């Protein structure tokens, strides 16, 4: 999220802030809803994510720093794949969002909020490659959704699926 960090930093997220984290973890057959820990997790549902992405997550954790709410989903099998969602209220025009938050080489995404992008995320140990989708919602929020694969995975088929999930979150709040 290097490019999104600049926008998040501009909205008041500083190095000296304290983060709060809450987690929900139970077996898949009896697992708590992904939304259980609160934060940005209230926008996510395991079943919807599995239908769209084809990945079944088991664990959700939420955090908050200043005005930014976050959610991380993982499997019990390991740290990756993971899915993260960060939500920050902003007052920015679409052109400014695209010039400051859209990573170099990212593709614009039509019909996603007021403005959106998708970009590949290079593998960085210990994570494999991934995909990031960022958008400016119609209700004044910056959302960044990122999926990171297991090391050695191929993320090439993931971009369209993650964009579909982002559109569902934007439209329905999943």
N, C-alpha and C. Protein backbone atom coordinates (compact mmCIF):
# COMPACT_ATOMS: atom_id res chain seq x y z
N UNK A 1 0.82 -1.18 0.00
CA UNK A 1 0.00 0.00 0.00
C UNK A 1 0.86 1.25 0.00
N UNK A 2 1.99 1.20 -0.62
CA UNK A 2 2.87 2.35 -0.55
C UNK A 2 2.21 3.62 -1.04
N UNK A 3 1.47 3.55 -2.13
CA UNK A 3 0.85 4.77 -2.63
C UNK A 3 -0.31 5.20 -1.75
N UNK A 4 -1.03 4.25 -1.20
CA UNK A 4 -2.16 4.60 -0.33
C UNK A 4 -1.67 5.18 0.99
N UNK A 5 -0.46 4.81 1.39
CA UNK A 5 0.06 5.32 2.64
C UNK A 5 0.19 6.84 2.58
N UNK A 6 0.56 7.37 1.43
CA UNK A 6 0.67 8.82 1.30
C UNK A 6 -0.67 9.48 1.54
N UNK A 7 -1.73 8.91 1.01
CA UNK A 7 -3.06 9.48 1.22
C UNK A 7 -3.49 9.26 2.65
N UNK A 8 -3.24 8.05 3.20
CA UNK A 8 -3.63 7.79 4.58
C UNK A 8 -2.87 8.71 5.52
N UNK A 9 -1.58 8.91 5.24
CA UNK A 9 -0.79 9.81 6.07
C UNK A 9 -1.33 11.22 6.03
N UNK A 10 -1.83 11.63 4.89
CA UNK A 10 -2.36 12.97 4.74
C UNK A 10 -3.66 13.15 5.49
N UNK A 11 -4.30 12.05 5.89
CA UNK A 11 -5.57 12.16 6.60
C UNK A 11 -5.39 12.06 8.11
N UNK A 12 -4.15 12.06 8.58
CA UNK A 12 -3.94 12.12 10.02
C UNK A 12 -3.36 10.87 10.63
N UNK A 13 -3.00 9.86 9.88
CA UNK A 13 -2.39 8.66 10.44
C UNK A 13 -0.91 8.92 10.60
N UNK A 14 -0.44 8.94 11.83
CA UNK A 14 0.97 9.22 12.07
C UNK A 14 1.66 8.07 12.77
N UNK A 15 2.97 8.13 12.82
CA UNK A 15 3.77 7.06 13.42
C UNK A 15 3.54 6.97 14.93
N UNK A 16 3.11 8.03 15.55
CA UNK A 16 2.97 8.02 16.99
C UNK A 16 1.60 7.58 17.49
N UNK A 17 0.78 7.01 16.63
CA UNK A 17 -0.56 6.62 17.06
C UNK A 17 -0.56 5.21 17.61
N UNK A 18 -1.54 4.90 18.41
CA UNK A 18 -1.66 3.57 19.00
C UNK A 18 -2.77 2.82 18.27
N UNK A 19 -2.48 1.59 17.88
CA UNK A 19 -3.46 0.76 17.18
C UNK A 19 -4.18 -0.15 18.16
N UNK A 20 -5.44 -0.45 17.89
CA UNK A 20 -6.22 -1.41 18.66
C UNK A 20 -6.52 -2.59 17.75
N UNK A 21 -6.40 -3.81 18.26
CA UNK A 21 -6.68 -5.00 17.46
C UNK A 21 -7.62 -5.92 18.22
N UNK A 22 -8.56 -6.52 17.49
CA UNK A 22 -9.47 -7.49 18.04
C UNK A 22 -9.54 -8.64 17.05
N UNK A 23 -9.68 -9.87 17.50
CA UNK A 23 -9.69 -11.01 16.59
C UNK A 23 -10.87 -11.92 16.86
N UNK A 24 -11.30 -12.63 15.82
CA UNK A 24 -12.32 -13.66 15.94
C UNK A 24 -11.80 -14.89 15.21
N UNK A 25 -11.72 -16.03 15.89
CA UNK A 25 -11.19 -17.23 15.27
C UNK A 25 -11.88 -18.46 15.85
N UNK A 26 -12.52 -19.25 14.98
CA UNK A 26 -13.16 -20.50 15.39
C UNK A 26 -13.12 -21.44 14.20
N UNK A 27 -13.38 -22.74 14.41
CA UNK A 27 -13.39 -23.66 13.27
C UNK A 27 -14.36 -23.19 12.19
N UNK A 28 -14.05 -23.49 10.91
CA UNK A 28 -14.86 -23.03 9.79
C UNK A 28 -16.33 -23.40 9.94
N UNK A 29 -16.63 -24.59 10.46
CA UNK A 29 -18.03 -25.01 10.57
C UNK A 29 -18.77 -24.22 11.63
N UNK A 30 -18.06 -23.68 12.61
CA UNK A 30 -18.70 -22.91 13.68
C UNK A 30 -18.07 -21.54 13.83
N UNK A 31 -17.34 -21.11 12.84
CA UNK A 31 -16.62 -19.85 12.95
C UNK A 31 -17.57 -18.67 13.14
N UNK A 32 -17.07 -17.69 13.85
CA UNK A 32 -17.81 -16.45 14.01
C UNK A 32 -17.85 -15.74 12.68
N UNK A 33 -18.79 -14.85 12.46
CA UNK A 33 -18.81 -14.09 11.21
C UNK A 33 -17.52 -13.28 11.06
N UNK A 34 -17.12 -13.03 9.83
CA UNK A 34 -15.92 -12.21 9.57
C UNK A 34 -16.07 -10.85 10.23
N UNK A 35 -17.28 -10.38 10.34
CA UNK A 35 -17.55 -9.05 10.90
C UNK A 35 -17.43 -9.00 12.42
N UNK A 36 -17.28 -10.14 13.09
CA UNK A 36 -17.31 -10.21 14.56
C UNK A 36 -16.35 -9.26 15.27
N UNK A 37 -15.11 -9.10 14.80
CA UNK A 37 -14.22 -8.20 15.55
C UNK A 37 -14.48 -6.72 15.33
N UNK A 38 -15.41 -6.36 14.44
CA UNK A 38 -15.73 -4.96 14.20
C UNK A 38 -14.77 -4.32 13.21
N UNK A 39 -14.51 -3.03 13.39
CA UNK A 39 -13.62 -2.31 12.46
C UNK A 39 -14.12 -2.42 11.04
N UNK A 40 -13.21 -2.49 10.09
CA UNK A 40 -13.57 -2.62 8.68
C UNK A 40 -14.13 -4.01 8.37
N UNK A 41 -14.00 -4.95 9.31
CA UNK A 41 -14.53 -6.30 9.10
C UNK A 41 -16.05 -6.31 8.93
N UNK A 42 -16.72 -5.25 9.40
CA UNK A 42 -18.18 -5.22 9.25
C UNK A 42 -18.60 -5.17 7.78
N UNK A 43 -17.66 -4.88 6.88
CA UNK A 43 -17.95 -4.84 5.45
C UNK A 43 -17.73 -6.18 4.76
N UNK A 44 -17.29 -7.20 5.50
CA UNK A 44 -16.89 -8.47 4.88
C UNK A 44 -17.69 -9.66 5.40
N UNK A 45 -17.92 -10.64 4.52
CA UNK A 45 -18.55 -11.91 4.88
C UNK A 45 -17.74 -13.03 4.24
N UNK A 46 -17.39 -14.03 5.05
CA UNK A 46 -16.60 -15.15 4.55
C UNK A 46 -17.21 -15.81 3.31
N UNK A 47 -18.50 -16.07 3.36
CA UNK A 47 -19.15 -16.81 2.27
C UNK A 47 -19.12 -16.03 0.96
N UNK A 48 -19.35 -14.73 1.02
CA UNK A 48 -19.33 -13.90 -0.17
C UNK A 48 -17.92 -13.87 -0.75
N UNK A 49 -16.93 -13.72 0.10
CA UNK A 49 -15.54 -13.70 -0.34
C UNK A 49 -15.17 -15.02 -1.00
N UNK A 50 -15.58 -16.13 -0.40
CA UNK A 50 -15.28 -17.44 -0.97
C UNK A 50 -15.95 -17.61 -2.34
N UNK A 51 -17.19 -17.15 -2.49
CA UNK A 51 -17.88 -17.23 -3.77
C UNK A 51 -17.15 -16.43 -4.85
N UNK A 52 -16.68 -15.26 -4.52
CA UNK A 52 -16.06 -14.39 -5.51
C UNK A 52 -14.60 -14.74 -5.76
N UNK A 53 -13.83 -14.93 -4.69
CA UNK A 53 -12.39 -15.16 -4.83
C UNK A 53 -12.01 -16.63 -4.92
N UNK A 54 -12.85 -17.52 -4.37
CA UNK A 54 -12.50 -18.93 -4.34
C UNK A 54 -11.59 -19.30 -3.18
N UNK A 55 -11.40 -18.40 -2.24
CA UNK A 55 -10.57 -18.65 -1.06
C UNK A 55 -11.46 -18.66 0.17
N UNK A 56 -11.28 -19.69 1.00
CA UNK A 56 -12.04 -19.79 2.24
C UNK A 56 -11.15 -19.32 3.40
N UNK A 57 -11.53 -18.21 4.01
CA UNK A 57 -10.79 -17.69 5.16
C UNK A 57 -11.45 -18.16 6.44
N UNK A 58 -10.66 -18.24 7.53
CA UNK A 58 -11.14 -18.76 8.81
C UNK A 58 -11.05 -17.77 9.95
N UNK A 59 -10.17 -16.80 9.84
CA UNK A 59 -9.83 -15.92 10.96
C UNK A 59 -9.96 -14.47 10.51
N UNK A 60 -10.57 -13.64 11.34
CA UNK A 60 -10.64 -12.21 11.06
C UNK A 60 -10.13 -11.43 12.26
N UNK A 61 -9.45 -10.32 11.97
CA UNK A 61 -8.96 -9.43 13.02
C UNK A 61 -9.16 -8.00 12.55
N UNK A 62 -9.54 -7.15 13.48
CA UNK A 62 -9.79 -5.75 13.15
C UNK A 62 -8.86 -4.86 13.94
N UNK A 63 -8.56 -3.71 13.37
CA UNK A 63 -7.74 -2.74 14.06
C UNK A 63 -8.22 -1.35 13.74
N UNK A 64 -7.76 -0.39 14.52
CA UNK A 64 -8.11 1.01 14.27
C UNK A 64 -6.96 1.87 14.73
N UNK A 65 -6.60 2.83 13.89
CA UNK A 65 -5.59 3.82 14.23
C UNK A 65 -6.14 5.15 13.75
N UNK A 66 -6.32 6.07 14.67
CA UNK A 66 -6.95 7.34 14.34
C UNK A 66 -8.27 7.07 13.62
N UNK A 67 -8.45 7.60 12.44
CA UNK A 67 -9.71 7.44 11.71
C UNK A 67 -9.72 6.23 10.78
N UNK A 68 -8.63 5.49 10.69
CA UNK A 68 -8.55 4.36 9.77
C UNK A 68 -8.97 3.07 10.47
N UNK A 69 -9.94 2.38 9.88
CA UNK A 69 -10.38 1.07 10.37
C UNK A 69 -9.83 0.02 9.41
N UNK A 70 -9.37 -1.10 9.96
CA UNK A 70 -8.79 -2.15 9.14
C UNK A 70 -9.38 -3.50 9.48
N UNK A 71 -9.18 -4.45 8.56
CA UNK A 71 -9.58 -5.83 8.77
C UNK A 71 -8.60 -6.71 8.02
N UNK A 72 -8.21 -7.80 8.63
CA UNK A 72 -7.35 -8.80 7.99
C UNK A 72 -8.03 -10.15 8.13
N UNK A 73 -8.11 -10.87 7.00
CA UNK A 73 -8.63 -12.23 7.00
C UNK A 73 -7.49 -13.17 6.62
N UNK A 74 -7.41 -14.32 7.31
CA UNK A 74 -6.41 -15.34 7.01
C UNK A 74 -7.05 -16.71 7.14
N UNK A 75 -6.30 -17.70 6.66
CA UNK A 75 -6.71 -19.09 6.85
C UNK A 75 -5.98 -19.64 8.07
N UNK A 76 -6.48 -20.72 8.62
CA UNK A 76 -5.78 -21.35 9.74
C UNK A 76 -4.54 -22.08 9.26
N UNK A 77 -4.43 -22.32 7.96
CA UNK A 77 -3.29 -23.06 7.41
C UNK A 77 -2.00 -22.24 7.43
N UNK A 78 -2.08 -20.94 7.54
CA UNK A 78 -0.87 -20.13 7.55
C UNK A 78 -1.18 -18.66 7.35
N UNK A 79 -0.14 -17.87 7.30
CA UNK A 79 -0.29 -16.43 7.17
C UNK A 79 -0.80 -15.99 5.81
N UNK A 80 -0.56 -16.81 4.78
CA UNK A 80 -0.97 -16.46 3.42
C UNK A 80 -1.74 -17.60 2.80
N UNK A 81 -2.75 -17.32 2.01
CA UNK A 81 -3.13 -16.00 1.54
C UNK A 81 -3.77 -15.17 2.66
N UNK A 82 -3.77 -13.88 2.45
CA UNK A 82 -4.51 -13.01 3.36
C UNK A 82 -5.22 -11.94 2.54
N UNK A 83 -6.24 -11.38 3.16
CA UNK A 83 -7.03 -10.33 2.54
C UNK A 83 -7.11 -9.20 3.56
N UNK A 84 -6.74 -7.99 3.16
CA UNK A 84 -6.83 -6.86 4.06
C UNK A 84 -7.72 -5.78 3.45
N UNK A 85 -8.40 -5.08 4.32
CA UNK A 85 -9.24 -3.95 3.92
C UNK A 85 -8.95 -2.81 4.88
N UNK A 86 -8.63 -1.65 4.33
CA UNK A 86 -8.44 -0.44 5.13
C UNK A 86 -9.44 0.60 4.66
N UNK A 87 -10.08 1.28 5.60
CA UNK A 87 -11.10 2.28 5.29
C UNK A 87 -10.78 3.55 6.08
N UNK A 88 -10.67 4.67 5.35
CA UNK A 88 -10.36 5.95 5.97
C UNK A 88 -11.28 7.02 5.40
N UNK A 89 -11.94 7.79 6.26
CA UNK A 89 -12.74 8.90 5.75
C UNK A 89 -11.81 9.96 5.17
N UNK A 90 -12.17 10.48 4.00
CA UNK A 90 -11.36 11.50 3.34
C UNK A 90 -12.27 12.55 2.70
N UNK A 91 -11.69 13.69 2.46
CA UNK A 91 -12.38 14.73 1.72
C UNK A 91 -11.46 15.10 0.56
N UNK A 92 -11.57 14.35 -0.52
CA UNK A 92 -10.67 14.52 -1.65
C UNK A 92 -11.45 14.34 -2.94
N UNK A 93 -11.08 15.07 -3.94
CA UNK A 93 -11.70 14.95 -5.25
C UNK A 93 -11.13 13.75 -5.99
N UNK A 94 -11.89 13.13 -6.89
CA UNK A 94 -11.41 11.96 -7.63
C UNK A 94 -10.08 12.18 -8.34
N UNK A 95 -9.88 13.34 -8.95
CA UNK A 95 -8.61 13.60 -9.66
C UNK A 95 -7.44 13.60 -8.69
N UNK A 96 -7.62 14.19 -7.52
CA UNK A 96 -6.55 14.20 -6.52
C UNK A 96 -6.30 12.79 -5.98
N UNK A 97 -7.36 12.03 -5.79
CA UNK A 97 -7.21 10.64 -5.36
C UNK A 97 -6.37 9.86 -6.35
N UNK A 98 -6.70 9.98 -7.63
CA UNK A 98 -5.97 9.23 -8.65
C UNK A 98 -4.53 9.69 -8.78
N UNK A 99 -4.27 10.97 -8.58
CA UNK A 99 -2.89 11.46 -8.71
C UNK A 99 -2.04 11.14 -7.50
N UNK A 100 -2.64 10.94 -6.33
CA UNK A 100 -1.85 10.66 -5.12
C UNK A 100 -1.92 9.22 -4.66
N UNK A 101 -3.03 8.54 -4.86
CA UNK A 101 -3.18 7.18 -4.33
C UNK A 101 -2.95 6.08 -5.36
N UNK A 102 -3.20 6.37 -6.60
CA UNK A 102 -3.06 5.34 -7.65
C UNK A 102 -1.58 5.07 -7.90
N UNK A 103 -1.14 3.82 -7.69
CA UNK A 103 0.27 3.51 -7.93
C UNK A 103 0.65 3.66 -9.40
N UNK A 104 1.90 3.93 -9.63
CA UNK A 104 2.42 4.02 -10.99
C UNK A 104 2.19 2.67 -11.67
N UNK A 105 1.65 2.70 -12.87
CA UNK A 105 1.39 1.48 -13.61
C UNK A 105 0.07 0.81 -13.28
N UNK A 106 -0.68 1.35 -12.34
CA UNK A 106 -1.99 0.78 -11.98
C UNK A 106 -2.99 1.08 -13.08
N UNK A 107 -3.98 0.21 -13.19
CA UNK A 107 -5.04 0.38 -14.18
C UNK A 107 -6.27 0.99 -13.51
N UNK A 108 -6.91 1.92 -14.20
CA UNK A 108 -8.15 2.50 -13.70
C UNK A 108 -9.23 1.43 -13.72
N UNK A 109 -10.14 1.51 -12.77
CA UNK A 109 -11.28 0.58 -12.70
C UNK A 109 -12.55 1.39 -12.89
N UNK A 110 -13.28 1.07 -13.95
CA UNK A 110 -14.55 1.75 -14.22
C UNK A 110 -15.63 1.26 -13.27
N UNK A 111 -16.55 2.13 -12.96
CA UNK A 111 -17.73 1.80 -12.15
C UNK A 111 -17.39 1.27 -10.77
N UNK A 112 -16.36 1.85 -10.17
CA UNK A 112 -16.01 1.53 -8.78
C UNK A 112 -15.90 2.85 -8.03
N UNK A 113 -16.92 3.16 -7.23
CA UNK A 113 -16.95 4.41 -6.50
C UNK A 113 -16.82 5.61 -7.43
N UNK A 114 -16.23 6.68 -6.92
CA UNK A 114 -16.00 7.88 -7.74
C UNK A 114 -14.76 7.71 -8.61
N UNK A 115 -13.81 6.90 -8.16
CA UNK A 115 -12.58 6.61 -8.90
C UNK A 115 -11.95 5.38 -8.28
N UNK A 116 -11.36 4.52 -9.10
CA UNK A 116 -10.74 3.32 -8.57
C UNK A 116 -9.58 2.86 -9.42
N UNK A 117 -8.75 2.01 -8.85
CA UNK A 117 -7.61 1.45 -9.56
C UNK A 117 -7.37 0.01 -9.11
N UNK A 118 -6.61 -0.72 -9.90
CA UNK A 118 -6.12 -2.03 -9.52
C UNK A 118 -4.65 -2.10 -9.91
N UNK A 119 -3.86 -2.76 -9.06
CA UNK A 119 -2.42 -2.85 -9.29
C UNK A 119 -1.90 -4.16 -8.76
N UNK A 120 -0.91 -4.69 -9.43
CA UNK A 120 -0.21 -5.86 -8.93
C UNK A 120 0.67 -5.47 -7.76
N UNK A 121 0.86 -6.40 -6.84
CA UNK A 121 1.73 -6.20 -5.69
C UNK A 121 2.84 -7.24 -5.78
N UNK A 122 4.09 -6.80 -5.86
CA UNK A 122 5.18 -7.78 -6.00
C UNK A 122 5.34 -8.63 -4.74
N UNK A 123 5.86 -9.81 -4.92
CA UNK A 123 6.15 -10.69 -3.79
C UNK A 123 7.25 -10.07 -2.94
N UNK A 124 7.05 -10.07 -1.64
CA UNK A 124 8.05 -9.62 -0.69
C UNK A 124 8.03 -10.63 0.44
N UNK A 125 9.17 -11.28 0.67
CA UNK A 125 9.23 -12.30 1.70
C UNK A 125 8.63 -11.80 3.00
N UNK A 126 7.80 -12.56 3.64
CA UNK A 126 7.46 -13.95 3.38
C UNK A 126 6.22 -14.13 2.50
N UNK A 127 5.63 -13.05 2.01
CA UNK A 127 4.41 -13.15 1.20
C UNK A 127 4.73 -13.36 -0.27
N UNK A 128 3.79 -13.98 -0.96
CA UNK A 128 3.88 -14.10 -2.41
C UNK A 128 3.33 -12.85 -3.05
N UNK A 129 3.13 -12.88 -4.37
CA UNK A 129 2.59 -11.71 -5.06
C UNK A 129 1.13 -11.46 -4.68
N UNK A 130 0.62 -10.34 -5.07
CA UNK A 130 -0.76 -10.02 -4.74
C UNK A 130 -1.35 -9.00 -5.67
N UNK A 131 -2.54 -8.56 -5.31
CA UNK A 131 -3.28 -7.56 -6.07
C UNK A 131 -3.89 -6.58 -5.08
N UNK A 132 -3.89 -5.30 -5.46
CA UNK A 132 -4.50 -4.26 -4.65
C UNK A 132 -5.54 -3.54 -5.48
N UNK A 133 -6.68 -3.26 -4.86
CA UNK A 133 -7.72 -2.45 -5.47
C UNK A 133 -8.00 -1.31 -4.49
N UNK A 134 -7.93 -0.09 -4.99
CA UNK A 134 -8.21 1.06 -4.15
C UNK A 134 -9.29 1.90 -4.81
N UNK A 135 -10.12 2.54 -3.99
CA UNK A 135 -11.16 3.39 -4.57
C UNK A 135 -11.63 4.45 -3.60
N UNK A 136 -12.18 5.46 -4.19
CA UNK A 136 -12.79 6.57 -3.47
C UNK A 136 -14.29 6.34 -3.54
N UNK A 137 -14.89 6.08 -2.39
CA UNK A 137 -16.32 5.76 -2.37
C UNK A 137 -17.17 7.02 -2.53
N UNK A 138 -18.42 6.80 -2.83
CA UNK A 138 -19.36 7.90 -2.98
C UNK A 138 -19.68 8.59 -1.65
N UNK A 139 -19.37 7.93 -0.54
CA UNK A 139 -19.68 8.52 0.77
C UNK A 139 -18.42 9.01 1.49
N UNK A 140 -17.41 9.41 0.72
CA UNK A 140 -16.24 10.07 1.30
C UNK A 140 -15.28 9.18 2.05
N UNK A 141 -15.04 7.98 1.54
CA UNK A 141 -14.08 7.08 2.18
C UNK A 141 -13.07 6.59 1.15
N UNK A 142 -11.84 6.44 1.58
CA UNK A 142 -10.80 5.79 0.80
C UNK A 142 -10.76 4.34 1.27
N UNK A 143 -10.92 3.40 0.34
CA UNK A 143 -10.86 1.98 0.67
C UNK A 143 -9.72 1.34 -0.12
N UNK A 144 -8.95 0.51 0.54
CA UNK A 144 -7.88 -0.24 -0.11
C UNK A 144 -8.06 -1.70 0.28
N UNK A 145 -8.25 -2.53 -0.73
CA UNK A 145 -8.46 -3.97 -0.56
C UNK A 145 -7.24 -4.66 -1.17
N UNK A 146 -6.59 -5.51 -0.40
CA UNK A 146 -5.37 -6.17 -0.89
C UNK A 146 -5.40 -7.66 -0.57
N UNK A 147 -5.08 -8.44 -1.59
CA UNK A 147 -4.97 -9.90 -1.45
C UNK A 147 -3.52 -10.26 -1.71
N UNK A 148 -2.91 -10.98 -0.76
CA UNK A 148 -1.54 -11.46 -0.94
C UNK A 148 -1.57 -12.98 -0.97
N UNK A 149 -0.90 -13.53 -1.96
CA UNK A 149 -0.86 -14.98 -2.16
C UNK A 149 0.23 -15.64 -1.33
N UNK A 150 0.17 -16.96 -1.29
CA UNK A 150 1.27 -17.72 -0.71
C UNK A 150 2.51 -17.52 -1.59
N UNK A 151 3.70 -17.65 -1.02
CA UNK A 151 4.92 -17.57 -1.83
C UNK A 151 4.87 -18.58 -2.97
N UNK A 152 5.32 -18.17 -4.13
CA UNK A 152 5.35 -19.05 -5.30
C UNK A 152 4.04 -19.14 -6.05
N UNK A 153 3.01 -18.44 -5.61
CA UNK A 153 1.71 -18.48 -6.28
C UNK A 153 1.68 -17.55 -7.47
N UNK A 154 0.71 -17.76 -8.33
CA UNK A 154 0.49 -16.90 -9.49
C UNK A 154 -0.79 -16.11 -9.26
N UNK A 155 -0.68 -14.80 -9.22
CA UNK A 155 -1.84 -13.94 -8.95
C UNK A 155 -2.53 -13.45 -10.20
N UNK A 156 -2.11 -13.91 -11.38
CA UNK A 156 -2.59 -13.32 -12.64
C UNK A 156 -4.11 -13.39 -12.81
N UNK A 157 -4.77 -14.39 -12.29
CA UNK A 157 -6.22 -14.50 -12.46
C UNK A 157 -6.98 -13.80 -11.34
N UNK A 158 -6.28 -13.19 -10.43
CA UNK A 158 -6.91 -12.63 -9.23
C UNK A 158 -7.47 -11.23 -9.40
N UNK A 159 -6.90 -10.44 -10.28
CA UNK A 159 -7.28 -9.03 -10.40
C UNK A 159 -8.77 -8.83 -10.66
N UNK A 160 -9.33 -9.52 -11.64
CA UNK A 160 -10.75 -9.36 -11.95
C UNK A 160 -11.63 -9.78 -10.78
N UNK A 161 -11.23 -10.83 -10.08
CA UNK A 161 -12.01 -11.30 -8.93
C UNK A 161 -11.97 -10.28 -7.79
N UNK A 162 -10.80 -9.70 -7.54
CA UNK A 162 -10.70 -8.73 -6.46
C UNK A 162 -11.46 -7.45 -6.79
N UNK A 163 -11.45 -7.06 -8.06
CA UNK A 163 -12.25 -5.91 -8.50
C UNK A 163 -13.74 -6.21 -8.28
N UNK A 164 -14.18 -7.42 -8.60
CA UNK A 164 -15.59 -7.81 -8.39
C UNK A 164 -15.94 -7.73 -6.90
N UNK A 165 -15.04 -8.17 -6.03
CA UNK A 165 -15.29 -8.08 -4.59
C UNK A 165 -15.34 -6.62 -4.16
N UNK A 166 -14.44 -5.80 -4.65
CA UNK A 166 -14.43 -4.38 -4.30
C UNK A 166 -15.75 -3.72 -4.72
N UNK A 167 -16.23 -4.04 -5.90
CA UNK A 167 -17.50 -3.46 -6.36
C UNK A 167 -18.66 -3.90 -5.47
N UNK A 168 -18.62 -5.14 -5.01
CA UNK A 168 -19.67 -5.63 -4.11
C UNK A 168 -19.59 -4.90 -2.78
N UNK A 169 -18.39 -4.73 -2.24
CA UNK A 169 -18.22 -3.98 -0.98
C UNK A 169 -18.72 -2.56 -1.16
N UNK A 170 -18.37 -1.92 -2.24
CA UNK A 170 -18.77 -0.54 -2.48
C UNK A 170 -20.28 -0.42 -2.62
N UNK A 171 -20.88 -1.37 -3.30
CA UNK A 171 -22.32 -1.33 -3.58
C UNK A 171 -23.14 -1.78 -2.38
N UNK A 172 -22.76 -2.92 -1.77
CA UNK A 172 -23.60 -3.55 -0.75
C UNK A 172 -23.04 -3.48 0.65
N UNK A 173 -21.77 -3.13 0.79
CA UNK A 173 -21.14 -3.22 2.10
C UNK A 173 -20.94 -4.68 2.48
N UNK A 174 -21.01 -5.58 1.47
CA UNK A 174 -20.93 -7.03 1.64
C UNK A 174 -21.53 -7.35 2.93
